[in-house]
Amino acid sequence: MRKIKLIWDFRGPGAVKTAEHHEEHLKEYIAIQNLPLNITGFTVISEMYATAWMVVTDDIMIPVRDALRPHRGELAP
């Protein structure tokens, strides 16, 4: 089964803190929904740009996408 990385982009002076905080909400969502994968993180691209992300499987991607509205997605390694 394919794994898909759902990504939220944050820009501006508070981008890093916002991405870090958003990851906490993603972890909460995973716990509440009892999702099969618990892979989340945040990536600092620069002090003005950061991303928060979570990895889901193909079979649950659409309901999670519709509920959380990520900015983009890509195949996870």
PDB file of N, CA and C in Angstrom:
ATOM      1  N   MET A   1       0.838  -1.180   0.000  1.00  0.00           N
ATOM      2  CA  MET A   1       0.000   0.000   0.000  1.00  0.00           C
ATOM      3  C   MET A   1       0.884   1.245   0.000  1.00  0.00           C
ATOM      4  N   ARG A   2       0.499   2.192  -0.836  1.00  0.00           N
ATOM      5  CA  ARG A   2       1.295   3.421  -0.930  1.00  0.00           C
ATOM      6  C   ARG A   2       1.131   4.288   0.309  1.00  0.00           C
ATOM      7  N   LYS A   3       2.196   5.011   0.613  1.00  0.00           N
ATOM      8  CA  LYS A   3       2.157   5.990   1.699  1.00  0.00           C
ATOM      9  C   LYS A   3       2.207   7.373   1.069  1.00  0.00           C
ATOM     10  N   ILE A   4       1.383   8.258   1.582  1.00  0.00           N
ATOM     11  CA  ILE A   4       1.283   9.617   1.054  1.00  0.00           C
ATOM     12  C   ILE A   4       1.572  10.604   2.176  1.00  0.00           C
ATOM     13  N   LYS A   5       2.430  11.563   1.872  1.00  0.00           N
ATOM     14  CA  LYS A   5       2.794  12.602   2.831  1.00  0.00           C
ATOM     15  C   LYS A   5       1.915  13.825   2.561  1.00  0.00           C
ATOM     16  N   LEU A   6       1.064  14.165   3.524  1.00  0.00           N
ATOM     17  CA  LEU A   6       0.232  15.360   3.435  1.00  0.00           C
ATOM     18  C   LEU A   6       0.994  16.507   4.086  1.00  0.00           C
ATOM     19  N   ILE A   7       1.041  17.655   3.408  1.00  0.00           N
ATOM     20  CA  ILE A   7       1.939  18.746   3.810  1.00  0.00           C
ATOM     21  C   ILE A   7       1.169  20.055   3.959  1.00  0.00           C
ATOM     22  N   TRP A   8       1.483  20.757   5.042  1.00  0.00           N
ATOM     23  CA  TRP A   8       0.961  22.106   5.281  1.00  0.00           C
ATOM     24  C   TRP A   8       2.140  23.062   5.273  1.00  0.00           C
ATOM     25  N   ASP A   9       2.046  24.132   4.477  1.00  0.00           N
ATOM     26  CA  ASP A   9       3.119  25.123   4.343  1.00  0.00           C
ATOM     27  C   ASP A   9       2.817  26.337   5.220  1.00  0.00           C
ATOM     28  N   PHE A  10       3.839  26.833   5.898  1.00  0.00           N
ATOM     29  CA  PHE A  10       3.714  28.032   6.727  1.00  0.00           C
ATOM     30  C   PHE A  10       4.839  28.989   6.368  1.00  0.00           C
ATOM     31  N   ARG A  11       4.470  30.254   6.164  1.00  0.00           N
ATOM     32  CA  ARG A  11       5.452  31.269   5.783  1.00  0.00           C
ATOM     33  C   ARG A  11       5.338  32.468   6.710  1.00  0.00           C
ATOM     34  N   GLY A  12       6.435  33.184   6.850  1.00  0.00           N
ATOM     35  CA  GLY A  12       6.434  34.395   7.655  1.00  0.00           C
ATOM     36  C   GLY A  12       7.283  34.242   8.900  1.00  0.00           C
ATOM     37  N   PRO A  13       7.357  35.290   9.710  1.00  0.00           N
ATOM     38  CA  PRO A  13       8.238  35.275  10.875  1.00  0.00           C
ATOM     39  C   PRO A  13       7.884  34.204  11.905  1.00  0.00           C
ATOM     40  N   GLY A  14       6.640  33.772  11.973  1.00  0.00           N
ATOM     41  CA  GLY A  14       6.246  32.748  12.936  1.00  0.00           C
ATOM     42  C   GLY A  14       6.116  31.359  12.336  1.00  0.00           C
ATOM     43  N   ALA A  15       6.645  31.162  11.144  1.00  0.00           N
ATOM     44  CA  ALA A  15       6.450  29.910  10.412  1.00  0.00           C
ATOM     45  C   ALA A  15       6.931  28.683  11.180  1.00  0.00           C
ATOM     46  N   VAL A  16       8.100  28.755  11.785  1.00  0.00           N
ATOM     47  CA  VAL A  16       8.675  27.594  12.471  1.00  0.00           C
ATOM     48  C   VAL A  16       7.810  27.198  13.668  1.00  0.00           C
ATOM     49  N   LYS A  17       7.447  28.169  14.492  1.00  0.00           N
ATOM     50  CA  LYS A  17       6.609  27.883  15.662  1.00  0.00           C
ATOM     51  C   LYS A  17       5.232  27.369  15.244  1.00  0.00           C
ATOM     52  N   THR A  18       4.687  27.933  14.178  1.00  0.00           N
ATOM     53  CA  THR A  18       3.374  27.507  13.707  1.00  0.00           C
ATOM     54  C   THR A  18       3.419  26.067  13.205  1.00  0.00           C
ATOM     55  N   ALA A  19       4.432  25.718  12.440  1.00  0.00           N
ATOM     56  CA  ALA A  19       4.575  24.353  11.931  1.00  0.00           C
ATOM     57  C   ALA A  19       4.751  23.370  13.087  1.00  0.00           C
ATOM     58  N   GLU A  20       5.562  23.740  14.060  1.00  0.00           N
ATOM     59  CA  GLU A  20       5.792  22.882  15.222  1.00  0.00           C
ATOM     60  C   GLU A  20       4.475  22.667  15.983  1.00  0.00           C
ATOM     61  N   HIS A  21       3.710  23.725  16.158  1.00  0.00           N
ATOM     62  CA  HIS A  21       2.432  23.635  16.855  1.00  0.00           C
ATOM     63  C   HIS A  21       1.415  22.818  16.047  1.00  0.00           C
ATOM     64  N   HIS A  22       1.427  23.005  14.747  1.00  0.00           N
ATOM     65  CA  HIS A  22       0.495  22.267  13.884  1.00  0.00           C
ATOM     66  C   HIS A  22       0.760  20.761  13.969  1.00  0.00           C
ATOM     67  N   GLU A  23       2.023  20.373  14.094  1.00  0.00           N
ATOM     68  CA  GLU A  23       2.339  18.954  14.231  1.00  0.00           C
ATOM     69  C   GLU A  23       1.659  18.365  15.477  1.00  0.00           C
ATOM     70  N   GLU A  24       1.593  19.128  16.552  1.00  0.00           N
ATOM     71  CA  GLU A  24       0.919  18.644  17.765  1.00  0.00           C
ATOM     72  C   GLU A  24      -0.557  18.346  17.482  1.00  0.00           C
ATOM     73  N   HIS A  25      -1.204  19.208  16.709  1.00  0.00           N
ATOM     74  CA  HIS A  25      -2.600  18.975  16.348  1.00  0.00           C
ATOM     75  C   HIS A  25      -2.747  17.741  15.464  1.00  0.00           C
ATOM     76  N   LEU A  26      -1.774  17.509  14.585  1.00  0.00           N
ATOM     77  CA  LEU A  26      -1.816  16.313  13.749  1.00  0.00           C
ATOM     78  C   LEU A  26      -1.707  15.057  14.604  1.00  0.00           C
ATOM     79  N   LYS A  27      -0.844  15.084  15.607  1.00  0.00           N
ATOM     80  CA  LYS A  27      -0.704  13.944  16.520  1.00  0.00           C
ATOM     81  C   LYS A  27      -2.003  13.699  17.275  1.00  0.00           C
ATOM     82  N   GLU A  28      -2.650  14.766  17.708  1.00  0.00           N
ATOM     83  CA  GLU A  28      -3.930  14.636  18.404  1.00  0.00           C
ATOM     84  C   GLU A  28      -4.989  14.014  17.492  1.00  0.00           C
ATOM     85  N   TYR A  29      -5.028  14.463  16.257  1.00  0.00           N
ATOM     86  CA  TYR A  29      -5.990  13.934  15.291  1.00  0.00           C
ATOM     87  C   TYR A  29      -5.765  12.435  15.076  1.00  0.00           C
ATOM     88  N   ILE A  30      -4.513  12.040  14.924  1.00  0.00           N
ATOM     89  CA  ILE A  30      -4.181  10.621  14.733  1.00  0.00           C
ATOM     90  C   ILE A  30      -4.668   9.800  15.919  1.00  0.00           C
ATOM     91  N   ALA A  31      -4.448  10.290  17.127  1.00  0.00           N
ATOM     92  CA  ALA A  31      -4.873   9.569  18.324  1.00  0.00           C
ATOM     93  C   ALA A  31      -6.396   9.476  18.413  1.00  0.00           C
ATOM     94  N   ILE A  32      -7.079  10.578  18.151  1.00  0.00           N
ATOM     95  CA  ILE A  32      -8.544  10.602  18.236  1.00  0.00           C
ATOM     96  C   ILE A  32      -9.172   9.676  17.205  1.00  0.00           C
ATOM     97  N   GLN A  33      -8.608   9.669  15.995  1.00  0.00           N
ATOM     98  CA  GLN A  33      -9.161   8.876  14.898  1.00  0.00           C
ATOM     99  C   GLN A  33      -8.630   7.440  14.870  1.00  0.00           C
ATOM    100  N   ASN A  34      -7.685   7.124  15.742  1.00  0.00           N
ATOM    101  CA  ASN A  34      -7.060   5.794  15.765  1.00  0.00           C
ATOM    102  C   ASN A  34      -6.524   5.392  14.391  1.00  0.00           C
ATOM    103  N   LEU A  35      -5.779   6.290  13.775  1.00  0.00           N
ATOM    104  CA  LEU A  35      -5.226   6.014  12.450  1.00  0.00           C
ATOM    105  C   LEU A  35      -4.103   4.985  12.553  1.00  0.00           C
ATOM    106  N   PRO A  36      -3.929   4.183  11.496  1.00  0.00           N
ATOM    107  CA  PRO A  36      -2.947   3.098  11.552  1.00  0.00           C
ATOM    108  C   PRO A  36      -1.489   3.565  11.566  1.00  0.00           C
ATOM    109  N   LEU A  37      -1.199   4.723  11.019  1.00  0.00           N
ATOM    110  CA  LEU A  37       0.170   5.238  11.014  1.00  0.00           C
ATOM    111  C   LEU A  37       0.275   6.408  11.972  1.00  0.00           C
ATOM    112  N   ASN A  38       1.419   6.537  12.591  1.00  0.00           N
ATOM    113  CA  ASN A  38       1.660   7.658  13.497  1.00  0.00           C
ATOM    114  C   ASN A  38       2.983   8.304  13.092  1.00  0.00           C
ATOM    115  N   ILE A  39       3.014   8.801  11.866  1.00  0.00           N
ATOM    116  CA  ILE A  39       4.232   9.413  11.342  1.00  0.00           C
ATOM    117  C   ILE A  39       3.929  10.877  11.057  1.00  0.00           C
ATOM    118  N   THR A  40       4.516  11.769  11.854  1.00  0.00           N
ATOM    119  CA  THR A  40       4.329  13.205  11.666  1.00  0.00           C
ATOM    120  C   THR A  40       5.680  13.887  11.802  1.00  0.00           C
ATOM    121  N   GLY A  41       5.707  15.153  11.466  1.00  0.00           N
ATOM    122  CA  GLY A  41       6.921  15.917  11.663  1.00  0.00           C
ATOM    123  C   GLY A  41       6.747  17.340  11.193  1.00  0.00           C
ATOM    124  N   PHE A  42       7.795  18.109  11.380  1.00  0.00           N
ATOM    125  CA  PHE A  42       7.833  19.446  10.790  1.00  0.00           C
ATOM    126  C   PHE A  42       9.247  19.663  10.285  1.00  0.00           C
ATOM    127  N   THR A  43       9.344  20.414   9.212  1.00  0.00           N
ATOM    128  CA  THR A  43      10.623  20.654   8.557  1.00  0.00           C
ATOM    129  C   THR A  43      10.838  22.146   8.439  1.00  0.00           C
ATOM    130  N   VAL A  44      11.988  22.611   8.884  1.00  0.00           N
ATOM    131  CA  VAL A  44      12.337  24.026   8.769  1.00  0.00           C
ATOM    132  C   VAL A  44      13.121  24.200   7.473  1.00  0.00           C
ATOM    133  N   ILE A  45      12.548  24.938   6.553  1.00  0.00           N
ATOM    134  CA  ILE A  45      13.216  25.223   5.282  1.00  0.00           C
ATOM    135  C   ILE A  45      14.109  26.452   5.455  1.00  0.00           C
ATOM    136  N   SER A  46      13.580  27.466   6.099  1.00  0.00           N
ATOM    137  CA  SER A  46      14.339  28.675   6.448  1.00  0.00           C
ATOM    138  C   SER A  46      13.622  29.307   7.637  1.00  0.00           C
ATOM    139  N   GLU A  47      14.140  30.396   8.151  1.00  0.00           N
ATOM    140  CA  GLU A  47      13.476  31.026   9.298  1.00  0.00           C
ATOM    141  C   GLU A  47      12.115  31.614   8.919  1.00  0.00           C
ATOM    142  N   MET A  48      11.846  31.739   7.626  1.00  0.00           N
ATOM    143  CA  MET A  48      10.577  32.296   7.153  1.00  0.00           C
ATOM    144  C   MET A  48       9.680  31.266   6.463  1.00  0.00           C
ATOM    145  N   TYR A  49      10.091  29.998   6.444  1.00  0.00           N
ATOM    146  CA  TYR A  49       9.303  28.977   5.750  1.00  0.00           C
ATOM    147  C   TYR A  49       9.503  27.629   6.420  1.00  0.00           C
ATOM    148  N   ALA A  50       8.396  27.012   6.824  1.00  0.00           N
ATOM    149  CA  ALA A  50       8.453  25.692   7.451  1.00  0.00           C
ATOM    150  C   ALA A  50       7.213  24.905   7.043  1.00  0.00           C
ATOM    151  N   THR A  51       7.303  23.596   7.150  1.00  0.00           N
ATOM    152  CA  THR A  51       6.173  22.736   6.826  1.00  0.00           C
ATOM    153  C   THR A  51       5.880  21.797   7.988  1.00  0.00           C
ATOM    154  N   ALA A  52       4.630  21.436   8.123  1.00  0.00           N
ATOM    155  CA  ALA A  52       4.218  20.361   9.024  1.00  0.00           C
ATOM    156  C   ALA A  52       3.672  19.275   8.110  1.00  0.00           C
ATOM    157  N   TRP A  53       3.834  18.020   8.501  1.00  0.00           N
ATOM    158  CA  TRP A  53       3.394  16.944   7.628  1.00  0.00           C
ATOM    159  C   TRP A  53       3.006  15.697   8.415  1.00  0.00           C
ATOM    160  N   MET A  54       2.216  14.866   7.750  1.00  0.00           N
ATOM    161  CA  MET A  54       1.870  13.559   8.291  1.00  0.00           C
ATOM    162  C   MET A  54       1.800  12.567   7.140  1.00  0.00           C
ATOM    163  N   VAL A  55       2.079  11.308   7.440  1.00  0.00           N
ATOM    164  CA  VAL A  55       2.049  10.261   6.426  1.00  0.00           C
ATOM    165  C   VAL A  55       0.817   9.399   6.672  1.00  0.00           C
ATOM    166  N   VAL A  56       0.070   9.158   5.598  1.00  0.00           N
ATOM    167  CA  VAL A  56      -1.115   8.304   5.649  1.00  0.00           C
ATOM    168  C   VAL A  56      -1.019   7.260   4.534  1.00  0.00           C
ATOM    169  N   THR A  57      -1.828   6.235   4.636  1.00  0.00           N
ATOM    170  CA  THR A  57      -1.886   5.234   3.573  1.00  0.00           C
ATOM    171  C   THR A  57      -2.967   5.614   2.576  1.00  0.00           C
ATOM    172  N   ASP A  58      -2.851   5.023   1.399  1.00  0.00           N
ATOM    173  CA  ASP A  58      -3.784   5.278   0.303  1.00  0.00           C
ATOM    174  C   ASP A  58      -5.250   5.159   0.718  1.00  0.00           C
ATOM    175  N   ASP A  59      -5.560   4.131   1.496  1.00  0.00           N
ATOM    176  CA  ASP A  59      -6.952   3.838   1.810  1.00  0.00           C
ATOM    177  C   ASP A  59      -7.622   4.882   2.705  1.00  0.00           C
ATOM    178  N   ILE A  60      -6.849   5.639   3.474  1.00  0.00           N
ATOM    179  CA  ILE A  60      -7.457   6.655   4.345  1.00  0.00           C
ATOM    180  C   ILE A  60      -7.114   8.086   3.915  1.00  0.00           C
ATOM    181  N   MET A  61      -6.392   8.215   2.821  1.00  0.00           N
ATOM    182  CA  MET A  61      -5.938   9.544   2.396  1.00  0.00           C
ATOM    183  C   MET A  61      -7.102  10.499   2.128  1.00  0.00           C
ATOM    184  N   ILE A  62      -8.123  10.068   1.419  1.00  0.00           N
ATOM    185  CA  ILE A  62      -9.198  10.987   1.037  1.00  0.00           C
ATOM    186  C   ILE A  62      -9.975  11.499   2.256  1.00  0.00           C
ATOM    187  N   PRO A  63     -10.394  10.644   3.191  1.00  0.00           N
ATOM    188  CA  PRO A  63     -11.097  11.204   4.366  1.00  0.00           C
ATOM    189  C   PRO A  63     -10.215  12.130   5.204  1.00  0.00           C
ATOM    190  N   VAL A  64      -8.937  11.785   5.348  1.00  0.00           N
ATOM    191  CA  VAL A  64      -8.032  12.649   6.122  1.00  0.00           C
ATOM    192  C   VAL A  64      -7.819  13.960   5.378  1.00  0.00           C
ATOM    193  N   ARG A  65      -7.615  13.886   4.080  1.00  0.00           N
ATOM    194  CA  ARG A  65      -7.438  15.099   3.266  1.00  0.00           C
ATOM    195  C   ARG A  65      -8.647  16.008   3.379  1.00  0.00           C
ATOM    196  N   ASP A  66      -9.836  15.433   3.276  1.00  0.00           N
ATOM    197  CA  ASP A  66     -11.055  16.242   3.334  1.00  0.00           C
ATOM    198  C   ASP A  66     -11.257  16.861   4.716  1.00  0.00           C
ATOM    199  N   ALA A  67     -10.857  16.152   5.763  1.00  0.00           N
ATOM    200  CA  ALA A  67     -11.023  16.669   7.128  1.00  0.00           C
ATOM    201  C   ALA A  67      -9.997  17.731   7.472  1.00  0.00           C
ATOM    202  N   LEU A  68      -8.745  17.542   7.046  1.00  0.00           N
ATOM    203  CA  LEU A  68      -7.652  18.422   7.493  1.00  0.00           C
ATOM    204  C   LEU A  68      -7.176  19.423   6.449  1.00  0.00           C
ATOM    205  N   ARG A  69      -7.553  19.240   5.209  1.00  0.00           N
ATOM    206  CA  ARG A  69      -7.260  20.177   4.105  1.00  0.00           C
ATOM    207  C   ARG A  69      -5.790  20.584   4.019  1.00  0.00           C
ATOM    208  N   PRO A  70      -4.902  19.626   3.756  1.00  0.00           N
ATOM    209  CA  PRO A  70      -3.486  19.986   3.576  1.00  0.00           C
ATOM    210  C   PRO A  70      -3.307  20.842   2.335  1.00  0.00           C
ATOM    211  N   HIS A  71      -2.190  21.539   2.275  1.00  0.00           N
ATOM    212  CA  HIS A  71      -1.904  22.388   1.121  1.00  0.00           C
ATOM    213  C   HIS A  71      -1.461  21.572  -0.080  1.00  0.00           C
ATOM    214  N   ARG A  72      -0.817  20.439   0.178  1.00  0.00           N
ATOM    215  CA  ARG A  72      -0.343  19.595  -0.923  1.00  0.00           C
ATOM    216  C   ARG A  72       0.003  18.212  -0.372  1.00  0.00           C
ATOM    217  N   GLY A  73       0.338  17.327  -1.281  1.00  0.00           N
ATOM    218  CA  GLY A  73       0.722  15.970  -0.908  1.00  0.00           C
ATOM    219  C   GLY A  73       1.740  15.426  -1.873  1.00  0.00           C
ATOM    220  N   GLU A  74       2.449  14.396  -1.440  1.00  0.00           N
ATOM    221  CA  GLU A  74       3.424  13.736  -2.308  1.00  0.00           C
ATOM    222  C   GLU A  74       3.581  12.291  -1.828  1.00  0.00           C
ATOM    223  N   LEU A  75       4.083  11.450  -2.708  1.00  0.00           N
ATOM    224  CA  LEU A  75       4.345  10.077  -2.302  1.00  0.00           C
ATOM    225  C   LEU A  75       5.475  10.062  -1.287  1.00  0.00           C
ATOM    226  N   ALA A  76       5.276   9.308  -0.229  1.00  0.00           N
ATOM    227  CA  ALA A  76       6.306   9.213   0.808  1.00  0.00           C
ATOM    228  C   ALA A  76       7.235   8.048   0.466  1.00  0.00           C
ATOM    229  N   PRO A  77       8.507   8.185   0.810  1.00  0.00           N
ATOM    230  CA  PRO A  77       9.450   7.079   0.531  1.00  0.00           C
ATOM    231  C   PRO A  77       9.183   5.870   1.386  1.00  0.00           C
TER     232      PRO A  77
END
